[in-house]
Amino acid sequence: MAQPAPRERLQSDAPTRERMLGVALEAFAELGYDGASTRAIAARAGVNQGMIPYYFGTKEALWREAVGRAFEEVRALMEEARAGGSPLDDRARAEQMIRQVVRFVARRPEFVRVMNDEGKREGPRMEWIVDHLVREVFEVVRDQLYRAGGLARLPADLDPLHLYYILIGAITMLFHQAPECQRLTGRDPSDEEVVEAHADALVALFVGEPPRSSPT
């Protein structure tokens, strides 16, 4: 029987490959890069360990693709902000982006955990994250949201260094520290009501519009 052509093989393998990327990101978030062995990742994905070099080549390449794939959704938000073709004004665009990023982080807290884990230490993975992901977010926050006037509650002379880490920390900390939050308050940050209330609070804090709902 004839073997499938390479393109057909790639299409039929796509679900397996996507599952491996999702599982890999979760493993890297939970165990760290060094602790997440390719054997453990393959076992979690329900595939043979040899599938990792087959699809990705190396563990480092798997890590990069898993992190990069999760960032695709954030990148789409960045591109939308940069395009400036939306009929939304600067404040409305800033509000929309904050809400969308909050929802993304709530869905994918493992992405934030990987970013935070690698960002705290020197090394090639930290450098790759900054050069391929973080710098893009930093520039959009600085130029498209802040300098355009969308983040209206912030001082006009605030250093972008402080702006970036204040905003990103405010968006992500709740979801990064989800177990702590549940222990402290008995509330699950992934609940839709909590997610939307967090977005409301951040919009009120940074954009200047009142939240749509009151916290409970």
Foldseek 3Di string as FASTA:
>chain_A
DDDDDPVVVCVVCVVLLVLLLQLLLLQCLVQNLVRRDLCNSCVVSVHDSVVCCVVQNDSVSSVVVSLVVLCPVVVVLLVVLVVPPDPDALQVSVLVSLLSVLLSCLVCVSSVSNLVVLCVDDDDVNVCCVVPPVVSVLCCCVPRRLVSCNQVQDDNPDDSVVVVCVLVCLSRVCSNCQVVCCVVPVDGCSPPVNSLVSSQVSSCNGRVDHGPDDDD
